[in-house]
Structures are given as C-alpha cells and as structure tokens.
Amino acid sequence: MSDKLLWRQAFNLLCDEKIGAGMSRTVFSSLLLPDCVIKTEDSHGKFQNVIEWETWKRVVGTPASRWFAECKWISGDGSILIMERTRPPAESDYPTMMPVFLSDFKRKNYGMALTKKFGKGVLVCHDYGTHLMFDHGMSKRMRKADWSDNP
C-alpha cells in the first residue's frame, strides 16, 4: 500500500464531514471522536493550530480557561489539532462583555461547551488562533463585545 493511500484512509477514518473553513484551516467532524473537531492547517507560516494549543496549555487550570474550548491533541508539526466540539449558542448566550484578551467577535468563532467544571453549557471561543493574550495577558478586565455579525 502506498503512503498516499494509507494517509488518505487514515484521514478518512479520523475526519468525517467538513464543517468549516477559514483563512488557513479546515475543520472536520469526526466519527471516531464525536465530541471533538479536527482542525487541519495547510498554510505555512500561520501556526494557528500551534497558537491554540499553546494558549490552551497556558490557560488550563486558570479562571481564563472558562473562555476557551479545550484542545485535546496536536500533531508534531502542528498541522492537525483535535479540539472539543461546541454547539451553536442561542442568541441570548452572547454576552455584552467579554475578556480583553479575546478578539474577532464573530458569532461563528464561539460556541457552547458542556464542561464538568461548570456543569452547564458555557460560551467559549473555539477559534482562538488569533487573540490578544500576548498584549493583555490573562487579565480579568472585560470590554464591550461588538459582535460584528449581529443579526
């Protein structure tokens, strides 16, 4: 069996339907991991999967983790990231105030995560390959969220 065929079969085993795409990544559902999404990144130099992985590793166990979907695994080169899957929020789930370290307030970048820590669905960012934590740290300060795609 060729490496290309083996890779395609492994990819199809892990990834099911394409559920989203952005400037550098494609997101798939997974039959093997139904509570997760698979993010693939082909663009060289963007490193959004790596940024999300490193951000999650820094916030896990802190109050700031409440705002982020959990990263589960990343490939050695960062081209594949497995993240918890969120569900679409209701309009009432979008708060007017958000942490200063989050950015890109498009509704499609956020979803509801069911976490053991909070015991109910909470709004989290599931697309944080770009954020302002490098500028603001894990500040507790909040700012008005201008949801750029208001209905």
N, C-alpha and C. Protein backbone atom coordinates (compact mmCIF):
# COMPACT_ATOMS: atom_id res chain seq x y z
N MET A 1 0.85 -1.18 0.00
CA MET A 1 0.00 0.00 0.00
C MET A 1 0.90 1.24 0.00
N SER A 2 0.54 2.21 -0.81
CA SER A 2 1.35 3.41 -0.89
C SER A 2 1.11 4.31 0.32
N ASP A 3 2.10 5.14 0.63
CA ASP A 3 1.96 6.08 1.74
C ASP A 3 0.78 7.01 1.52
N LYS A 4 0.57 7.44 0.28
CA LYS A 4 -0.52 8.36 -0.03
C LYS A 4 -1.87 7.70 0.23
N LEU A 5 -2.03 6.45 -0.17
CA LEU A 5 -3.27 5.72 0.07
C LEU A 5 -3.49 5.50 1.56
N LEU A 6 -2.44 5.12 2.26
CA LEU A 6 -2.51 4.91 3.70
C LEU A 6 -2.91 6.21 4.41
N TRP A 7 -2.29 7.33 4.01
CA TRP A 7 -2.62 8.62 4.61
C TRP A 7 -4.08 8.97 4.37
N ARG A 8 -4.56 8.76 3.14
CA ARG A 8 -5.95 9.09 2.81
C ARG A 8 -6.92 8.24 3.62
N GLN A 9 -6.63 6.96 3.77
CA GLN A 9 -7.51 6.09 4.55
C GLN A 9 -7.51 6.49 6.03
N ALA A 10 -6.35 6.81 6.57
CA ALA A 10 -6.28 7.25 7.97
C ALA A 10 -7.03 8.57 8.15
N PHE A 11 -6.86 9.49 7.21
CA PHE A 11 -7.55 10.78 7.27
C PHE A 11 -9.06 10.57 7.24
N ASN A 12 -9.53 9.73 6.34
CA ASN A 12 -10.97 9.47 6.22
C ASN A 12 -11.52 8.73 7.43
N LEU A 13 -10.68 7.97 8.11
CA LEU A 13 -11.10 7.30 9.34
C LEU A 13 -11.30 8.33 10.45
N LEU A 14 -10.40 9.30 10.54
CA LEU A 14 -10.45 10.31 11.59
C LEU A 14 -11.45 11.42 11.27
N CYS A 15 -11.43 11.91 10.04
CA CYS A 15 -12.24 13.07 9.65
C CYS A 15 -13.48 12.65 8.88
N ASP A 16 -14.61 13.24 9.24
CA ASP A 16 -15.87 12.93 8.58
C ASP A 16 -16.25 14.11 7.66
N GLU A 17 -17.22 14.89 8.05
CA GLU A 17 -17.69 15.99 7.21
C GLU A 17 -16.92 17.27 7.47
N LYS A 18 -16.71 18.03 6.40
CA LYS A 18 -16.14 19.37 6.53
C LYS A 18 -17.23 20.27 7.11
N ILE A 19 -16.94 20.90 8.25
CA ILE A 19 -17.95 21.74 8.91
C ILE A 19 -17.55 23.21 8.94
N GLY A 20 -16.35 23.53 8.49
CA GLY A 20 -15.94 24.93 8.46
C GLY A 20 -14.58 25.09 7.81
N ALA A 21 -14.31 26.34 7.44
CA ALA A 21 -13.00 26.68 6.86
C ALA A 21 -12.75 28.16 7.11
N GLY A 22 -11.48 28.49 7.28
CA GLY A 22 -11.09 29.87 7.49
C GLY A 22 -9.92 30.21 6.60
N MET A 23 -9.19 31.25 6.98
CA MET A 23 -8.10 31.73 6.14
C MET A 23 -6.95 30.73 6.02
N SER A 24 -6.76 29.86 7.02
CA SER A 24 -5.64 28.93 6.93
C SER A 24 -5.98 27.51 7.36
N ARG A 25 -7.24 27.27 7.78
CA ARG A 25 -7.57 25.95 8.31
C ARG A 25 -8.90 25.44 7.78
N THR A 26 -9.03 24.12 7.83
CA THR A 26 -10.30 23.45 7.54
C THR A 26 -10.66 22.64 8.77
N VAL A 27 -11.96 22.63 9.10
CA VAL A 27 -12.43 21.95 10.31
C VAL A 27 -13.38 20.83 9.90
N PHE A 28 -13.18 19.66 10.52
CA PHE A 28 -13.97 18.48 10.21
C PHE A 28 -14.61 17.92 11.48
N SER A 29 -15.78 17.31 11.33
CA SER A 29 -16.34 16.50 12.40
C SER A 29 -15.60 15.16 12.37
N SER A 30 -15.84 14.34 13.38
CA SER A 30 -15.15 13.05 13.46
C SER A 30 -16.10 11.98 13.96
N LEU A 31 -16.16 10.86 13.22
CA LEU A 31 -16.97 9.73 13.68
C LEU A 31 -16.29 9.03 14.84
N LEU A 32 -14.96 8.98 14.82
CA LEU A 32 -14.21 8.33 15.91
C LEU A 32 -14.27 9.13 17.21
N LEU A 33 -14.26 10.45 17.08
CA LEU A 33 -14.27 11.35 18.24
C LEU A 33 -15.45 12.32 18.10
N PRO A 34 -16.67 11.86 18.34
CA PRO A 34 -17.85 12.70 18.08
C PRO A 34 -17.94 13.96 18.94
N ASP A 35 -17.23 14.01 20.05
CA ASP A 35 -17.24 15.20 20.90
C ASP A 35 -16.10 16.16 20.56
N CYS A 36 -15.43 15.90 19.43
CA CYS A 36 -14.28 16.71 19.03
C CYS A 36 -14.41 17.16 17.57
N VAL A 37 -13.61 18.16 17.22
CA VAL A 37 -13.42 18.55 15.83
C VAL A 37 -11.95 18.36 15.50
N ILE A 38 -11.67 18.17 14.22
CA ILE A 38 -10.31 18.02 13.73
C ILE A 38 -10.01 19.26 12.89
N LYS A 39 -8.99 20.01 13.28
CA LYS A 39 -8.59 21.21 12.54
C LYS A 39 -7.31 20.89 11.78
N THR A 40 -7.36 21.07 10.47
CA THR A 40 -6.17 20.84 9.65
C THR A 40 -5.68 22.18 9.13
N GLU A 41 -4.38 22.33 9.13
CA GLU A 41 -3.77 23.60 8.70
C GLU A 41 -2.71 23.30 7.65
N ASP A 42 -2.97 23.78 6.44
CA ASP A 42 -2.04 23.57 5.33
C ASP A 42 -1.13 24.77 5.11
N SER A 43 -1.59 25.94 5.48
CA SER A 43 -0.82 27.16 5.21
C SER A 43 0.43 27.19 6.07
N HIS A 44 1.54 27.38 5.41
CA HIS A 44 2.79 27.51 6.14
C HIS A 44 2.92 28.92 6.68
N GLY A 45 3.34 29.03 7.93
CA GLY A 45 3.60 30.34 8.50
C GLY A 45 2.47 30.95 9.31
N LYS A 46 1.28 30.35 9.32
CA LYS A 46 0.16 30.90 10.11
C LYS A 46 0.21 30.37 11.54
N PHE A 47 0.41 29.08 11.70
CA PHE A 47 0.58 28.42 13.01
C PHE A 47 -0.61 28.63 13.96
N GLN A 48 -1.83 28.76 13.41
CA GLN A 48 -2.98 28.96 14.28
C GLN A 48 -3.26 27.74 15.15
N ASN A 49 -3.05 26.54 14.65
CA ASN A 49 -3.21 25.34 15.49
C ASN A 49 -2.23 25.38 16.66
N VAL A 50 -1.00 25.75 16.38
CA VAL A 50 0.03 25.81 17.43
C VAL A 50 -0.33 26.91 18.44
N ILE A 51 -0.80 28.05 17.96
CA ILE A 51 -1.19 29.14 18.87
C ILE A 51 -2.32 28.68 19.78
N GLU A 52 -3.34 27.98 19.21
CA GLU A 52 -4.44 27.50 20.05
C GLU A 52 -3.93 26.48 21.07
N TRP A 53 -3.08 25.56 20.64
CA TRP A 53 -2.54 24.56 21.55
C TRP A 53 -1.75 25.21 22.69
N GLU A 54 -0.85 26.11 22.34
CA GLU A 54 -0.01 26.77 23.35
C GLU A 54 -0.85 27.66 24.27
N THR A 55 -1.85 28.32 23.71
CA THR A 55 -2.75 29.14 24.55
C THR A 55 -3.49 28.26 25.54
N TRP A 56 -4.05 27.15 25.05
CA TRP A 56 -4.78 26.25 25.95
C TRP A 56 -3.86 25.74 27.06
N LYS A 57 -2.64 25.35 26.73
CA LYS A 57 -1.71 24.85 27.74
C LYS A 57 -1.41 25.90 28.81
N ARG A 58 -1.45 27.17 28.44
CA ARG A 58 -1.18 28.23 29.41
C ARG A 58 -2.39 28.59 30.27
N VAL A 59 -3.61 28.45 29.70
CA VAL A 59 -4.79 28.85 30.48
C VAL A 59 -5.40 27.71 31.27
N VAL A 60 -5.12 26.46 30.90
CA VAL A 60 -5.74 25.34 31.61
C VAL A 60 -5.42 25.44 33.11
N GLY A 61 -6.46 25.26 33.92
CA GLY A 61 -6.30 25.35 35.36
C GLY A 61 -6.39 26.77 35.91
N THR A 62 -6.62 27.75 35.04
CA THR A 62 -6.78 29.14 35.48
C THR A 62 -8.22 29.58 35.23
N PRO A 63 -8.66 30.68 35.85
CA PRO A 63 -10.00 31.18 35.56
C PRO A 63 -10.21 31.53 34.08
N ALA A 64 -9.14 31.88 33.37
CA ALA A 64 -9.26 32.23 31.95
C ALA A 64 -9.68 31.05 31.10
N SER A 65 -9.45 29.82 31.56
CA SER A 65 -9.81 28.64 30.77
C SER A 65 -11.30 28.58 30.48
N ARG A 66 -12.09 29.25 31.30
CA ARG A 66 -13.54 29.27 31.13
C ARG A 66 -13.95 29.79 29.76
N TRP A 67 -13.10 30.58 29.10
CA TRP A 67 -13.43 31.24 27.83
C TRP A 67 -12.93 30.48 26.60
N PHE A 68 -12.27 29.32 26.78
CA PHE A 68 -11.65 28.63 25.65
C PHE A 68 -12.14 27.19 25.53
N ALA A 69 -12.39 26.77 24.28
CA ALA A 69 -12.65 25.36 24.03
C ALA A 69 -11.35 24.59 24.29
N GLU A 70 -11.49 23.40 24.83
CA GLU A 70 -10.32 22.61 25.23
C GLU A 70 -9.63 21.97 24.02
N CYS A 71 -8.33 22.11 23.97
CA CYS A 71 -7.51 21.40 22.99
C CYS A 71 -7.14 20.04 23.57
N LYS A 72 -7.28 18.98 22.77
CA LYS A 72 -7.03 17.61 23.24
C LYS A 72 -5.69 17.04 22.77
N TRP A 73 -5.29 17.36 21.53
CA TRP A 73 -4.08 16.77 20.96
C TRP A 73 -3.64 17.59 19.76
N ILE A 74 -2.33 17.62 19.52
CA ILE A 74 -1.78 18.27 18.33
C ILE A 74 -0.69 17.38 17.73
N SER A 75 -0.62 17.37 16.41
CA SER A 75 0.44 16.60 15.75
C SER A 75 1.78 17.30 15.96
N GLY A 76 2.85 16.57 15.76
CA GLY A 76 4.19 17.10 15.99
C GLY A 76 4.51 18.35 15.19
N ASP A 77 3.98 18.45 13.98
CA ASP A 77 4.26 19.63 13.16
C ASP A 77 3.15 20.68 13.25
N GLY A 78 2.12 20.44 14.05
CA GLY A 78 1.05 21.41 14.25
C GLY A 78 0.00 21.43 13.14
N SER A 79 0.09 20.54 12.17
CA SER A 79 -0.85 20.59 11.05
C SER A 79 -2.22 20.01 11.40
N ILE A 80 -2.31 19.21 12.47
CA ILE A 80 -3.59 18.64 12.90
C ILE A 80 -3.79 18.92 14.38
N LEU A 81 -4.95 19.48 14.70
CA LEU A 81 -5.31 19.78 16.09
C LEU A 81 -6.66 19.15 16.37
N ILE A 82 -6.78 18.48 17.51
CA ILE A 82 -8.07 17.94 17.95
C ILE A 82 -8.55 18.80 19.11
N MET A 83 -9.76 19.33 18.97
CA MET A 83 -10.34 20.25 19.95
C MET A 83 -11.76 19.78 20.30
N GLU A 84 -12.18 20.11 21.51
CA GLU A 84 -13.55 19.76 21.89
C GLU A 84 -14.53 20.45 20.94
N ARG A 85 -15.62 19.76 20.65
CA ARG A 85 -16.64 20.30 19.76
C ARG A 85 -17.64 21.12 20.57
N THR A 86 -18.00 22.26 20.04
CA THR A 86 -19.01 23.10 20.70
C THR A 86 -20.31 23.00 19.92
N ARG A 87 -21.35 23.48 20.54
CA ARG A 87 -22.68 23.51 19.92
C ARG A 87 -23.09 24.96 19.68
N PRO A 88 -23.95 25.20 18.70
CA PRO A 88 -24.37 26.58 18.42
C PRO A 88 -25.09 27.21 19.62
N PRO A 89 -24.72 28.45 19.95
CA PRO A 89 -25.38 29.15 21.06
C PRO A 89 -26.72 29.74 20.64
N ALA A 90 -27.57 29.99 21.61
CA ALA A 90 -28.79 30.77 21.38
C ALA A 90 -28.38 32.24 21.36
N GLU A 91 -29.19 33.06 20.77
CA GLU A 91 -28.89 34.50 20.71
C GLU A 91 -28.65 35.07 22.10
N SER A 92 -29.38 34.58 23.08
CA SER A 92 -29.25 35.09 24.46
C SER A 92 -27.94 34.65 25.13
N ASP A 93 -27.21 33.72 24.54
CA ASP A 93 -25.96 33.23 25.13
C ASP A 93 -24.77 34.14 24.86
N TYR A 94 -24.91 35.10 23.93
CA TYR A 94 -23.81 36.01 23.60
C TYR A 94 -23.81 37.18 24.59
N PRO A 95 -22.79 37.28 25.43
CA PRO A 95 -22.75 38.36 26.43
C PRO A 95 -22.38 39.70 25.80
N THR A 96 -22.70 40.76 26.50
CA THR A 96 -22.32 42.09 26.02
C THR A 96 -20.89 42.43 26.41
N MET A 97 -20.36 41.75 27.43
CA MET A 97 -18.98 41.99 27.88
C MET A 97 -18.18 40.70 27.73
N MET A 98 -16.95 40.87 27.23
CA MET A 98 -16.04 39.73 27.03
C MET A 98 -14.66 40.12 27.55
N PRO A 99 -13.80 39.12 27.84
CA PRO A 99 -12.45 39.43 28.32
C PRO A 99 -11.65 40.23 27.28
N VAL A 100 -10.79 41.09 27.76
CA VAL A 100 -9.99 41.94 26.86
C VAL A 100 -9.03 41.13 26.00
N PHE A 101 -8.69 39.92 26.41
CA PHE A 101 -7.74 39.13 25.64
C PHE A 101 -8.36 38.39 24.46
N LEU A 102 -9.69 38.39 24.35
CA LEU A 102 -10.34 37.78 23.19
C LEU A 102 -10.60 38.82 22.12
N SER A 103 -10.64 38.37 20.88
CA SER A 103 -10.88 39.28 19.76
C SER A 103 -11.69 38.55 18.70
N ASP A 104 -11.90 39.20 17.59
CA ASP A 104 -12.61 38.62 16.46
C ASP A 104 -13.99 38.12 16.89
N PHE A 105 -14.82 39.05 17.31
CA PHE A 105 -16.14 38.72 17.83
C PHE A 105 -17.14 38.45 16.70
N LYS A 106 -16.88 37.36 15.99
CA LYS A 106 -17.85 36.84 15.03
C LYS A 106 -18.53 35.67 15.71
N ARG A 107 -19.83 35.58 15.58
CA ARG A 107 -20.57 34.52 16.24
C ARG A 107 -20.03 33.13 15.87
N LYS A 108 -19.57 32.96 14.63
CA LYS A 108 -19.10 31.64 14.21
C LYS A 108 -17.82 31.21 14.94
N ASN A 109 -17.14 32.13 15.62
CA ASN A 109 -15.92 31.80 16.36
C ASN A 109 -16.18 31.33 17.78
N TYR A 110 -17.45 31.30 18.17
CA TYR A 110 -17.82 30.95 19.55
C TYR A 110 -18.90 29.88 19.53
N GLY A 111 -18.93 29.07 20.60
CA GLY A 111 -19.93 28.03 20.72
C GLY A 111 -20.12 27.65 22.18
N MET A 112 -21.07 26.77 22.41
CA MET A 112 -21.38 26.33 23.76
C MET A 112 -20.64 25.03 24.06
N ALA A 113 -19.91 25.03 25.16
CA ALA A 113 -19.19 23.83 25.62
C ALA A 113 -19.85 23.32 26.88
N LEU A 114 -20.03 22.03 26.96
CA LEU A 114 -20.55 21.42 28.17
C LEU A 114 -19.35 20.94 28.96
N THR A 115 -19.09 21.59 30.08
CA THR A 115 -17.90 21.25 30.85
C THR A 115 -18.27 20.73 32.22
N LYS A 116 -17.47 19.79 32.71
CA LYS A 116 -17.69 19.26 34.06
C LYS A 116 -17.49 20.35 35.10
N LYS A 117 -16.55 21.25 34.82
CA LYS A 117 -16.23 22.30 35.77
C LYS A 117 -17.43 23.23 36.02
N PHE A 118 -18.15 23.52 34.96
CA PHE A 118 -19.25 24.47 35.10
C PHE A 118 -20.61 23.79 35.15
N GLY A 119 -20.67 22.51 34.74
CA GLY A 119 -21.90 21.74 34.86
C GLY A 119 -23.01 22.14 33.93
N LYS A 120 -22.79 23.10 33.07
CA LYS A 120 -23.81 23.53 32.11
C LYS A 120 -23.09 24.10 30.91
N GLY A 121 -23.84 24.35 29.87
CA GLY A 121 -23.23 24.93 28.69
C GLY A 121 -22.73 26.34 28.96
N VAL A 122 -21.51 26.62 28.53
CA VAL A 122 -20.95 27.96 28.66
C VAL A 122 -20.41 28.38 27.30
N LEU A 123 -20.50 29.67 27.01
CA LEU A 123 -19.97 30.20 25.77
C LEU A 123 -18.45 30.21 25.84
N VAL A 124 -17.82 29.62 24.83
CA VAL A 124 -16.36 29.60 24.74
C VAL A 124 -15.94 29.98 23.33
N CYS A 125 -14.72 30.41 23.22
CA CYS A 125 -14.13 30.68 21.91
C CYS A 125 -13.55 29.37 21.40
N HIS A 126 -13.95 28.97 20.19
CA HIS A 126 -13.39 27.75 19.61
C HIS A 126 -12.50 28.06 18.41
N ASP A 127 -12.28 29.34 18.16
CA ASP A 127 -11.36 29.77 17.10
C ASP A 127 -10.50 30.89 17.68
N TYR A 128 -9.45 30.49 18.38
CA TYR A 128 -8.59 31.48 19.03
C TYR A 128 -7.15 31.40 18.53
N GLY A 129 -7.03 31.13 17.24
CA GLY A 129 -5.71 31.13 16.61
C GLY A 129 -5.12 32.52 16.52
N THR A 130 -5.97 33.52 16.68
CA THR A 130 -5.52 34.91 16.86
C THR A 130 -6.26 35.44 18.09
N HIS A 131 -5.56 36.07 18.97
CA HIS A 131 -6.16 36.64 20.18
C HIS A 131 -5.24 37.74 20.69
N LEU A 132 -5.63 38.36 21.79
CA LEU A 132 -4.87 39.49 22.33
C LEU A 132 -4.21 39.15 23.67
N MET A 133 -4.07 37.87 23.98
CA MET A 133 -3.47 37.50 25.26
C MET A 133 -2.01 37.92 25.35
N PHE A 134 -1.31 37.94 24.22
CA PHE A 134 0.08 38.39 24.24
C PHE A 134 0.16 39.86 24.66
N ASP A 135 -0.88 40.63 24.32
CA ASP A 135 -0.92 42.04 24.68
C ASP A 135 -1.46 42.29 26.08
N HIS A 136 -2.48 41.52 26.48
CA HIS A 136 -3.19 41.79 27.73
C HIS A 136 -2.95 40.75 28.82
N GLY A 137 -2.30 39.64 28.51
CA GLY A 137 -2.14 38.58 29.50
C GLY A 137 -3.49 37.98 29.88
N MET A 138 -3.55 37.28 30.98
CA MET A 138 -4.80 36.68 31.45
C MET A 138 -5.55 37.66 32.35
N SER A 139 -5.72 38.83 31.86
CA SER A 139 -6.39 39.88 32.61
C SER A 139 -7.84 39.51 32.92
N LYS A 140 -8.33 39.99 34.03
CA LYS A 140 -9.74 39.80 34.38
C LYS A 140 -10.60 40.94 33.84
N ARG A 141 -9.94 41.91 33.20
CA ARG A 141 -10.68 43.05 32.66
C ARG A 141 -11.60 42.60 31.52
N MET A 142 -12.72 43.25 31.43
CA MET A 142 -13.71 42.94 30.39
C MET A 142 -13.87 44.17 29.49
N ARG A 143 -14.38 43.93 28.29
CA ARG A 143 -14.68 45.02 27.36
C ARG A 143 -15.97 44.69 26.64
N LYS A 144 -16.56 45.73 26.09
CA LYS A 144 -17.82 45.54 25.36
C LYS A 144 -17.53 44.72 24.10
N ALA A 145 -18.35 43.70 23.91
CA ALA A 145 -18.20 42.84 22.73
C ALA A 145 -19.04 43.42 21.61
N ASP A 146 -18.39 43.77 20.53
CA ASP A 146 -19.08 44.24 19.34
C ASP A 146 -19.20 43.05 18.40
N TRP A 147 -20.28 42.30 18.52
CA TRP A 147 -20.48 41.12 17.68
C TRP A 147 -20.65 41.60 16.25
N SER A 148 -19.59 41.42 15.44
CA SER A 148 -19.52 42.00 14.11
C SER A 148 -20.54 41.47 13.14
N ASP A 149 -21.16 40.37 13.45
CA ASP A 149 -22.17 39.80 12.56
C ASP A 149 -23.53 39.76 13.24
N ASN A 150 -23.87 40.85 13.94
CA ASN A 150 -25.17 40.92 14.60
C ASN A 150 -26.28 40.63 13.60
N PRO A 151 -27.26 39.84 14.03
CA PRO A 151 -28.39 39.53 13.12
C PRO A 151 -29.25 40.76 12.86
